């Protein structure tokens, strides 16, 4: 956040891999990055999933969020995003989201059937977003 004013763009590709969750104002940073981007630039984002089943299990079963020193619930995370939240934040900053994806999952067909395909939202630990600047 402190170095945004020192960036000398324009940039064709901007990568925010496991960054936005550590920032005080990720929306402000996304806007500043858009302003430093070249026409047609691409933005790559990865972010931990706030809907992951481990978070829900600790909240429901243990009554705690359960911060840790590293990993998904790293105590240095200041912000949490679901897939919908990160897409909304990126779009609000003026980027156009082209695609969201996640690491490969080994899912159960039964689980998919029982949840109407919504189990992915709870099994994915990380979301990937590809965005670009509208023409």
C-alpha atoms as a PDB file:
ATOM      1  CA  UNK A   1       0.000   0.000   0.000  1.00  0.00           C
ATOM      2  CA  UNK A   2       2.839   2.378   0.816  1.00  0.00           C
ATOM      3  CA  UNK A   3       4.655   1.922  -2.502  1.00  0.00           C
ATOM      4  CA  UNK A   4       1.715   2.430  -4.858  1.00  0.00           C
ATOM      5  CA  UNK A   5       2.727   6.036  -5.507  1.00  0.00           C
ATOM      6  CA  UNK A   6       6.205   4.952  -6.559  1.00  0.00           C
ATOM      7  CA  UNK A   7       5.072   2.525  -9.261  1.00  0.00           C
ATOM      8  CA  UNK A   8       6.071   3.480 -12.778  1.00  0.00           C
ATOM      9  CA  UNK A   9       3.643   1.796 -15.147  1.00  0.00           C
ATOM     10  CA  UNK A  10       1.925   1.155 -17.266  1.00  0.00           C
ATOM     11  CA  UNK A  11       1.823  -2.563 -16.511  1.00  0.00           C
ATOM     12  CA  UNK A  12       0.494  -5.261 -18.855  1.00  0.00           C
ATOM     13  CA  UNK A  13       0.105  -7.890 -16.145  1.00  0.00           C
ATOM     14  CA  UNK A  14      -0.437  -7.369 -12.425  1.00  0.00           C
ATOM     15  CA  UNK A  15      -0.271 -10.303  -9.999  1.00  0.00           C
ATOM     16  CA  UNK A  16      -1.811 -10.159  -6.538  1.00  0.00           C
ATOM     17  CA  UNK A  17      -1.184 -13.666  -5.305  1.00  0.00           C
ATOM     18  CA  UNK A  18      -2.170 -13.946  -1.644  1.00  0.00           C
ATOM     19  CA  UNK A  19      -1.833 -10.195  -1.149  1.00  0.00           C
ATOM     20  CA  UNK A  20      -5.252  -8.531  -0.884  1.00  0.00           C
ATOM     21  CA  UNK A  21      -6.252 -10.282   2.343  1.00  0.00           C
ATOM     22  CA  UNK A  22      -3.277  -8.646   4.089  1.00  0.00           C
ATOM     23  CA  UNK A  23      -4.186  -5.064   3.146  1.00  0.00           C
ATOM     24  CA  UNK A  24      -6.031  -2.433   5.152  1.00  0.00           C
ATOM     25  CA  UNK A  25      -7.908  -1.204   2.053  1.00  0.00           C
ATOM     26  CA  UNK A  26      -7.726  -3.721  -0.801  1.00  0.00           C
ATOM     27  CA  UNK A  27     -10.320  -1.758  -2.798  1.00  0.00           C
ATOM     28  CA  UNK A  28      -8.114   1.325  -2.821  1.00  0.00           C
ATOM     29  CA  UNK A  29      -5.160  -0.780  -3.943  1.00  0.00           C
ATOM     30  CA  UNK A  30      -7.191  -2.355  -6.771  1.00  0.00           C
ATOM     31  CA  UNK A  31      -8.156   1.129  -7.998  1.00  0.00           C
ATOM     32  CA  UNK A  32      -4.535   2.334  -7.828  1.00  0.00           C
ATOM     33  CA  UNK A  33      -3.396  -0.755  -9.733  1.00  0.00           C
ATOM     34  CA  UNK A  34      -6.039  -0.101 -12.386  1.00  0.00           C
ATOM     35  CA  UNK A  35      -4.696   3.435 -12.781  1.00  0.00           C
ATOM     36  CA  UNK A  36      -1.152   2.061 -13.195  1.00  0.00           C
ATOM     37  CA  UNK A  37      -2.275  -0.540 -15.742  1.00  0.00           C
ATOM     38  CA  UNK A  38      -1.812  -0.376 -19.512  1.00  0.00           C
ATOM     39  CA  UNK A  39      -4.864  -0.554 -21.767  1.00  0.00           C
ATOM     40  CA  UNK A  40      -5.991  -4.189 -21.938  1.00  0.00           C
ATOM     41  CA  UNK A  41      -3.920  -5.118 -18.868  1.00  0.00           C
ATOM     42  CA  UNK A  42      -4.676  -8.297 -16.968  1.00  0.00           C
ATOM     43  CA  UNK A  43      -5.029  -8.693 -13.223  1.00  0.00           C
ATOM     44  CA  UNK A  44      -4.376 -12.082 -11.585  1.00  0.00           C
ATOM     45  CA  UNK A  45      -5.622 -12.568  -8.011  1.00  0.00           C
ATOM     46  CA  UNK A  46      -5.515 -15.491  -5.608  1.00  0.00           C
ATOM     47  CA  UNK A  47      -7.296 -15.275  -2.296  1.00  0.00           C
ATOM     48  CA  UNK A  48      -8.192 -17.666   0.551  1.00  0.00           C
ATOM     49  CA  UNK A  49     -11.857 -18.697   0.544  1.00  0.00           C
ATOM     50  CA  UNK A  50     -13.789 -17.395   3.559  1.00  0.00           C
ATOM     51  CA  UNK A  51     -16.473 -20.055   2.964  1.00  0.00           C
ATOM     52  CA  UNK A  52     -14.075 -22.966   3.395  1.00  0.00           C
ATOM     53  CA  UNK A  53     -15.521 -25.796   5.474  1.00  0.00           C
ATOM     54  CA  UNK A  54     -12.675 -25.625   8.020  1.00  0.00           C
ATOM     55  CA  UNK A  55     -13.741 -22.105   9.000  1.00  0.00           C
ATOM     56  CA  UNK A  56     -17.353 -23.146   9.374  1.00  0.00           C
ATOM     57  CA  UNK A  57     -16.452 -26.250  11.337  1.00  0.00           C
ATOM     58  CA  UNK A  58     -14.393 -24.290  13.852  1.00  0.00           C
ATOM     59  CA  UNK A  59     -17.114 -21.668  14.241  1.00  0.00           C
ATOM     60  CA  UNK A  60     -19.922 -24.186  14.657  1.00  0.00           C
ATOM     61  CA  UNK A  61     -18.172 -26.994  16.522  1.00  0.00           C
ATOM     62  CA  UNK A  62     -15.515 -25.176  18.526  1.00  0.00           C
ATOM     63  CA  UNK A  63     -17.013 -21.695  18.858  1.00  0.00           C
ATOM     64  CA  UNK A  64     -13.872 -20.014  17.558  1.00  0.00           C
ATOM     65  CA  UNK A  65     -12.565 -18.614  14.317  1.00  0.00           C
ATOM     66  CA  UNK A  66      -9.222 -20.246  15.038  1.00  0.00           C
ATOM     67  CA  UNK A  67      -6.470 -17.967  13.757  1.00  0.00           C
ATOM     68  CA  UNK A  68      -3.136 -19.687  13.134  1.00  0.00           C
ATOM     69  CA  UNK A  69       0.441 -18.566  12.552  1.00  0.00           C
ATOM     70  CA  UNK A  70       0.347 -19.580   8.883  1.00  0.00           C
ATOM     71  CA  UNK A  71      -1.931 -20.948   6.195  1.00  0.00           C
ATOM     72  CA  UNK A  72      -5.565 -20.386   5.427  1.00  0.00           C
ATOM     73  CA  UNK A  73      -6.316 -18.589   8.695  1.00  0.00           C
ATOM     74  CA  UNK A  74      -3.035 -16.759   9.045  1.00  0.00           C
ATOM     75  CA  UNK A  75      -3.245 -14.181  11.820  1.00  0.00           C
ATOM     76  CA  UNK A  76      -1.883 -11.514   9.444  1.00  0.00           C
ATOM     77  CA  UNK A  77      -5.040 -11.670   7.296  1.00  0.00           C
ATOM     78  CA  UNK A  78      -6.960  -8.420   7.737  1.00  0.00           C
ATOM     79  CA  UNK A  79      -9.724  -9.143   5.201  1.00  0.00           C
ATOM     80  CA  UNK A  80     -11.725 -12.209   4.195  1.00  0.00           C
ATOM     81  CA  UNK A  81     -13.379 -12.848   0.845  1.00  0.00           C
ATOM     82  CA  UNK A  82     -15.789 -15.373  -0.575  1.00  0.00           C
ATOM     83  CA  UNK A  83     -15.791 -15.845  -4.353  1.00  0.00           C
ATOM     84  CA  UNK A  84     -18.677 -13.384  -4.630  1.00  0.00           C
ATOM     85  CA  UNK A  85     -16.890 -10.840  -2.396  1.00  0.00           C
ATOM     86  CA  UNK A  86     -13.629 -10.840  -4.354  1.00  0.00           C
ATOM     87  CA  UNK A  87     -15.440 -10.583  -7.683  1.00  0.00           C
ATOM     88  CA  UNK A  88     -17.467  -7.632  -6.368  1.00  0.00           C
ATOM     89  CA  UNK A  89     -14.344  -5.888  -5.016  1.00  0.00           C
ATOM     90  CA  UNK A  90     -12.447  -6.281  -8.284  1.00  0.00           C
ATOM     91  CA  UNK A  91     -15.387  -5.064 -10.354  1.00  0.00           C
ATOM     92  CA  UNK A  92     -16.031  -2.119  -8.001  1.00  0.00           C
ATOM     93  CA  UNK A  93     -12.433  -1.040  -8.643  1.00  0.00           C
ATOM     94  CA  UNK A  94     -13.131  -0.832 -12.374  1.00  0.00           C
ATOM     95  CA  UNK A  95     -11.751  -4.169 -13.538  1.00  0.00           C
ATOM     96  CA  UNK A  96     -13.767  -6.666 -15.593  1.00  0.00           C
ATOM     97  CA  UNK A  97     -13.706 -10.188 -14.175  1.00  0.00           C
ATOM     98  CA  UNK A  98     -13.179 -12.683 -16.978  1.00  0.00           C
ATOM     99  CA  UNK A  99     -12.926 -15.904 -15.004  1.00  0.00           C
ATOM    100  CA  UNK A 100     -12.868 -17.398 -11.523  1.00  0.00           C
ATOM    101  CA  UNK A 101     -11.311 -20.772 -10.841  1.00  0.00           C
ATOM    102  CA  UNK A 102      -9.794 -22.871  -8.084  1.00  0.00           C
ATOM    103  CA  UNK A 103      -7.321 -25.705  -7.585  1.00  0.00           C
ATOM    104  CA  UNK A 104      -8.563 -29.116  -8.686  1.00  0.00           C
ATOM    105  CA  UNK A 105     -10.877 -30.832  -6.223  1.00  0.00           C
ATOM    106  CA  UNK A 106     -11.511 -34.507  -5.647  1.00  0.00           C
ATOM    107  CA  UNK A 107     -15.240 -34.247  -5.086  1.00  0.00           C
ATOM    108  CA  UNK A 108     -17.880 -36.794  -4.435  1.00  0.00           C
ATOM    109  CA  UNK A 109     -20.713 -37.083  -6.958  1.00  0.00           C
ATOM    110  CA  UNK A 110     -23.018 -37.855  -4.039  1.00  0.00           C
ATOM    111  CA  UNK A 111     -21.969 -34.653  -2.270  1.00  0.00           C
ATOM    112  CA  UNK A 112     -22.510 -32.651  -5.468  1.00  0.00           C
ATOM    113  CA  UNK A 113     -25.949 -34.215  -5.868  1.00  0.00           C
ATOM    114  CA  UNK A 114     -26.929 -33.595  -2.246  1.00  0.00           C
ATOM    115  CA  UNK A 115     -25.822 -29.953  -2.358  1.00  0.00           C
ATOM    116  CA  UNK A 116     -27.043 -29.144  -5.849  1.00  0.00           C
ATOM    117  CA  UNK A 117     -23.435 -28.571  -6.939  1.00  0.00           C
ATOM    118  CA  UNK A 118     -22.842 -25.959  -4.226  1.00  0.00           C
ATOM    119  CA  UNK A 119     -20.302 -28.042  -2.305  1.00  0.00           C
ATOM    120  CA  UNK A 120     -17.461 -26.440  -4.288  1.00  0.00           C
ATOM    121  CA  UNK A 121     -17.994 -23.140  -2.466  1.00  0.00           C
ATOM    122  CA  UNK A 122     -17.172 -24.905   0.816  1.00  0.00           C
ATOM    123  CA  UNK A 123     -14.408 -27.242  -0.352  1.00  0.00           C
ATOM    124  CA  UNK A 124     -12.237 -24.735  -2.203  1.00  0.00           C
ATOM    125  CA  UNK A 125      -9.479 -23.289  -0.012  1.00  0.00           C
ATOM    126  CA  UNK A 126      -8.349 -20.740  -2.610  1.00  0.00           C
ATOM    127  CA  UNK A 127     -10.017 -18.723  -5.385  1.00  0.00           C
ATOM    128  CA  UNK A 128      -8.231 -17.518  -8.504  1.00  0.00           C
ATOM    129  CA  UNK A 129      -9.550 -14.537 -10.431  1.00  0.00           C
ATOM    130  CA  UNK A 130      -8.530 -13.297 -13.865  1.00  0.00           C
ATOM    131  CA  UNK A 131      -9.650  -9.768 -14.703  1.00  0.00           C
ATOM    132  CA  UNK A 132      -8.806  -7.185 -17.318  1.00  0.00           C
ATOM    133  CA  UNK A 133      -9.538  -3.570 -18.141  1.00  0.00           C
ATOM    134  CA  UNK A 134     -12.683  -2.941 -20.159  1.00  0.00           C
ATOM    135  CA  UNK A 135     -12.040  -1.531 -23.622  1.00  0.00           C
END
